[in-house]
Protein backbone atom coordinates (compact mmCIF):
# COMPACT_ATOMS: atom_id res chain seq x y z
CA MET A 1 -68.22 -93.71 62.53
CA PRO A 2 -67.25 -89.81 62.17
CA ASP A 3 -63.69 -88.64 60.95
CA LEU A 4 -62.53 -88.03 64.35
CA PHE A 5 -59.78 -85.46 65.38
CA ILE A 6 -58.11 -86.14 68.79
CA LYS A 7 -55.62 -84.00 70.78
CA ALA A 8 -54.46 -84.24 74.41
CA ARG A 9 -52.74 -81.87 76.22
CA ARG A 10 -51.88 -81.46 79.92
CA LEU A 11 -53.30 -78.80 82.33
CA GLY A 12 -51.52 -75.94 84.14
CA ARG A 13 -49.04 -77.30 86.90
CA GLU A 14 -50.59 -80.16 88.36
CA GLY A 15 -50.35 -81.84 84.53
CA GLN A 16 -54.21 -83.09 84.58
CA PRO A 17 -54.89 -84.68 81.03
CA LEU A 18 -57.63 -82.78 78.73
CA VAL A 19 -58.89 -84.34 75.81
CA VAL A 20 -60.26 -82.44 72.84
CA ILE A 21 -62.32 -84.34 70.07
CA ASP A 22 -63.54 -82.87 67.41
CA ASP A 23 -66.55 -84.12 65.20
CA PHE A 24 -67.39 -86.52 67.64
CA HIS A 25 -70.45 -87.97 67.01
CA PRO A 26 -71.68 -89.11 63.51
CA GLU A 27 -75.47 -87.91 63.95
CA PRO A 28 -75.21 -84.57 66.26
CA GLU A 29 -78.01 -82.89 64.73
CA ARG A 30 -80.16 -85.70 65.54
CA LEU A 31 -79.09 -85.48 69.05
CA VAL A 32 -80.18 -81.54 68.83
CA GLU A 33 -83.55 -82.75 67.54
CA ASP A 34 -83.90 -85.56 70.14
CA ALA A 35 -83.15 -82.99 72.83
CA ALA A 36 -85.80 -80.82 71.64
CA ALA A 37 -88.60 -82.83 72.03
CA ARG A 38 -87.96 -83.74 75.57
CA PRO A 39 -88.76 -81.88 78.55
CA PHE A 40 -86.32 -79.72 80.66
CA ASN A 41 -86.20 -79.11 84.19
CA PRO A 42 -83.88 -77.66 87.17
CA ARG A 43 -82.05 -80.48 88.54
CA GLY A 44 -80.39 -79.45 91.83
CA LYS A 45 -78.26 -76.52 92.93
CA PHE A 46 -75.33 -76.64 91.21
CA TYR A 47 -76.17 -76.48 87.45
CA PRO A 48 -77.43 -72.89 86.51
CA GLY A 49 -79.76 -73.89 84.34
CA ILE A 50 -82.20 -76.89 83.24
CA ARG A 51 -81.58 -80.48 82.03
CA ALA A 52 -83.13 -83.33 80.53
CA ALA A 53 -82.40 -87.27 80.13
CA ALA A 54 -80.03 -87.76 76.98
CA PRO A 55 -80.01 -91.18 75.50
CA VAL A 56 -77.18 -93.33 76.68
CA GLN A 57 -77.40 -95.30 73.04
CA HIS A 58 -75.94 -92.22 71.53
CA LEU A 59 -72.42 -93.37 72.94
CA GLN A 60 -72.42 -96.73 71.11
CA PRO A 61 -70.97 -96.23 68.21
CA LEU A 62 -68.09 -94.12 69.93
CA GLN A 63 -67.17 -96.95 72.64
CA ALA A 64 -64.12 -98.19 71.23
CA MET A 65 -62.44 -94.57 70.82
CA LEU A 66 -63.66 -93.93 74.38
CA ALA A 67 -62.16 -96.99 75.78
CA ASP A 68 -59.00 -96.19 73.96
CA VAL A 69 -58.97 -92.58 75.58
CA LEU A 70 -59.91 -93.85 79.18
CA THR A 71 -57.20 -96.29 79.27
CA GLY A 72 -54.14 -94.56 77.21
CA VAL A 73 -54.91 -91.04 78.90
CA PHE A 74 -56.40 -91.38 82.08
CA GLY A 75 -55.55 -94.69 83.56
CA TYR A 76 -58.53 -96.92 83.17
CA GLY A 77 -58.45 -100.44 83.44
CA PRO A 78 -60.64 -102.71 80.82
CA GLY A 79 -64.19 -101.18 81.80
CA ALA A 80 -66.07 -98.20 82.54
CA ALA A 81 -69.85 -97.49 83.69
CA LEU A 82 -71.78 -94.51 82.81
CA LYS A 83 -72.81 -92.44 85.93
CA GLU A 84 -74.89 -89.52 84.50
CA CYS A 85 -75.92 -88.44 81.11
CA ASN A 86 -77.84 -85.40 80.61
CA TYR A 87 -78.73 -82.92 78.00
CA SER A 88 -77.93 -79.43 79.56
CA LEU A 89 -79.07 -75.75 78.73
CA VAL A 90 -77.40 -72.46 80.63
CA ILE A 91 -80.45 -70.21 81.27
CA THR A 92 -79.70 -68.53 84.74
CA PRO A 93 -79.01 -64.70 84.27
CA PRO A 94 -76.23 -63.66 86.49
CA GLY A 95 -78.37 -61.85 88.78
CA GLU A 96 -80.15 -65.01 89.85
CA LEU A 97 -76.76 -67.41 90.22
CA LEU A 98 -76.35 -68.69 93.73
CA PRO A 99 -73.17 -68.39 95.14
CA MET A 100 -71.59 -71.37 94.59
CA GLN A 101 -72.54 -70.87 90.73
CA ARG A 102 -70.33 -67.76 90.54
CA LEU A 103 -67.05 -69.60 91.27
CA PRO A 104 -65.44 -72.23 89.19
CA HIS A 105 -66.48 -75.44 90.59
CA TYR A 106 -65.45 -79.21 90.41
CA ASP A 107 -67.75 -82.37 90.17
CA GLY A 108 -66.71 -84.60 92.89
CA THR A 109 -63.68 -85.74 94.80
CA ALA A 110 -63.45 -89.51 93.00
CA VAL A 111 -60.03 -89.17 91.37
CA GLN A 112 -61.12 -91.52 88.40
CA THR A 113 -64.39 -89.84 87.56
CA VAL A 114 -64.22 -88.36 84.20
CA ALA A 115 -66.53 -85.56 82.70
CA LEU A 116 -67.24 -85.89 78.97
CA LEU A 117 -68.76 -82.87 77.77
CA HIS A 118 -70.14 -82.64 74.21
CA TYR A 119 -70.87 -79.44 72.80
CA LEU A 120 -74.03 -79.18 70.57
CA CYS A 121 -73.53 -75.09 70.08
CA GLY A 122 -71.42 -73.09 67.98
CA PRO A 123 -68.57 -71.13 69.84
CA GLU A 124 -70.59 -67.78 70.17
CA GLN A 125 -72.34 -69.92 73.47
CA GLY A 126 -69.16 -70.01 75.18
CA GLY A 127 -66.52 -72.95 75.79
CA THR A 128 -64.70 -73.93 79.33
CA SER A 129 -61.90 -72.54 81.33
CA PHE A 130 -59.92 -74.60 83.69
CA TYR A 131 -58.63 -72.65 87.03
CA ARG A 132 -55.91 -72.57 89.65
CA HIS A 133 -56.98 -71.48 92.83
CA ARG A 134 -54.46 -68.69 93.87
CA SER A 135 -53.98 -69.22 97.75
CA THR A 136 -53.62 -73.05 97.87
CA GLY A 137 -52.31 -73.83 94.34
CA PHE A 138 -55.17 -76.39 94.10
CA GLU A 139 -55.93 -76.94 90.19
CA THR A 140 -57.90 -80.02 91.49
CA VAL A 141 -59.84 -81.11 94.66
CA THR A 142 -59.52 -84.53 95.76
CA GLN A 143 -60.67 -85.82 99.11
CA ASP A 144 -57.88 -85.33 101.11
CA ARG A 145 -57.87 -81.53 99.74
CA PHE A 146 -61.61 -80.97 100.45
CA GLU A 147 -61.43 -79.45 103.71
CA THR A 148 -58.28 -77.13 103.39
CA TYR A 149 -60.09 -75.62 99.91
CA ARG A 150 -63.46 -75.40 101.42
CA ASP A 151 -62.17 -73.66 104.52
CA THR A 152 -59.90 -71.29 102.85
CA LEU A 153 -62.12 -70.47 100.25
CA GLY A 154 -64.93 -69.67 102.91
CA THR A 155 -62.57 -67.33 104.73
CA GLU A 156 -61.54 -65.49 101.32
CA ILE A 157 -65.33 -64.92 100.75
CA ALA A 158 -66.10 -63.74 103.80
CA ALA A 159 -63.15 -61.27 103.73
CA ALA A 160 -64.38 -59.88 100.55
CA GLY A 161 -67.70 -58.91 101.66
CA GLY A 162 -69.72 -62.56 102.12
CA GLU A 163 -70.76 -63.24 98.58
CA PRO A 164 -69.04 -63.63 95.33
CA VAL A 165 -70.03 -60.95 92.49
CA ALA A 166 -73.32 -62.03 90.98
CA ASP A 167 -71.43 -63.01 87.77
CA TYR A 168 -70.08 -65.71 85.45
CA THR A 169 -66.46 -66.64 86.02
CA ARG A 170 -64.62 -64.91 82.90
CA GLY A 171 -60.68 -65.38 83.01
CA ASP A 172 -58.35 -64.13 85.92
CA GLY A 173 -60.14 -63.13 89.31
CA ASP A 174 -58.58 -62.40 92.96
CA GLN A 175 -59.07 -65.71 93.88
CA PHE A 176 -58.66 -67.85 90.65
CA GLU A 177 -56.35 -67.76 87.69
CA GLN A 178 -57.37 -69.20 84.30
CA ILE A 179 -55.02 -72.03 83.48
CA ASP A 180 -56.34 -73.21 80.34
CA GLN A 181 -59.67 -72.64 78.09
CA VAL A 182 -61.12 -74.63 75.10
CA GLU A 183 -63.79 -72.85 72.64
CA ALA A 184 -67.30 -74.30 72.00
CA ARG A 185 -67.42 -75.72 68.33
CA PHE A 186 -70.42 -77.61 67.40
CA ASN A 187 -69.86 -81.48 67.75
CA ARG A 188 -66.50 -80.87 69.76
CA ALA A 189 -66.04 -82.67 73.04
CA ILE A 190 -63.76 -82.72 75.81
CA LEU A 191 -62.96 -85.03 78.28
CA TYR A 192 -61.30 -84.21 81.81
CA ARG A 193 -61.04 -85.59 85.55
CA GLY A 194 -64.18 -84.27 87.46
CA ILE A 195 -62.27 -83.20 90.31
CA THR A 196 -60.42 -80.21 88.20
CA LEU A 197 -61.33 -76.98 88.79
CA HIS A 198 -63.53 -75.52 85.73
CA SER A 199 -66.15 -73.36 84.60
CA GLY A 200 -68.37 -72.52 81.79
CA ASP A 201 -67.46 -69.42 79.66
CA ILE A 202 -70.65 -67.41 79.58
CA PRO A 203 -69.98 -64.34 77.79
CA GLU A 204 -71.28 -60.80 78.40
CA GLY A 205 -74.46 -60.30 76.48
CA PHE A 206 -75.56 -63.85 76.66
CA ASP A 207 -78.70 -65.11 75.58
CA PHE A 208 -80.03 -67.53 77.98
CA ASN A 209 -81.94 -68.94 75.53
CA ALA A 210 -84.11 -72.24 76.78
CA ASP A 211 -84.73 -73.61 73.13
CA PRO A 212 -82.29 -76.39 72.43
CA ARG A 213 -81.91 -75.46 68.67
CA ARG A 214 -80.80 -71.74 69.83
CA GLY A 215 -79.44 -72.16 73.26
CA ARG A 216 -76.05 -73.60 74.93
CA LEU A 217 -76.76 -76.97 74.17
CA THR A 218 -74.42 -79.58 75.89
CA VAL A 219 -74.55 -83.21 76.44
CA ASN A 220 -72.97 -83.76 80.19
CA THR A 221 -71.69 -87.16 80.84
CA PHE A 222 -69.80 -88.80 83.66
CA LEU A 223 -67.83 -91.77 83.36
CA VAL A 224 -66.46 -94.19 86.11
CA GLU A 225 -63.60 -97.09 86.18
CA ARG A 226 -65.02 -100.48 86.81
């Protein structure tokens, strides 16, 4: 087992949990090499890059620790199921982003879905920020908020000219306020509810490198309560 360094804090006004775990995996370099040997492809219209299936076995040494975090911080019962697990690389230049990729996003409206984001890259590749939608005050989008959020955001975008600026979200803007930020660090993991509004911090002058050994490589995992 690695020598884990775990911190938990609450986000913004709604107080949703955020957990940061440094030195997360006992063999992070092996995961990088595993990713480099796999075929990456675009998947869906939401992620601005390419993905490859990641081995679920990489979480086995961490099951007991993750169970403690999920029950103690996120209020899970005695079990969790793995919904999805992928290596991910951001490679889409700002000018090619779809409108929905230019704004903070959420991973679904199910309250008990927890996102586990494992950085296999350094701080120069950009971390993750969390946001509040200014006009609604929403920091999360649940099923009962979905229509209000969708309609309000759509009205705002139309009033501003029809499409968000073709760039990645960075800090405060007219529609969203940054409420927290986590810097990327090699072998750092963060856990947060998928309903939380967030965005990758893709810096200006980003390389958009598709080589897992050099690009913004992460492992994106989603966990659900059984």
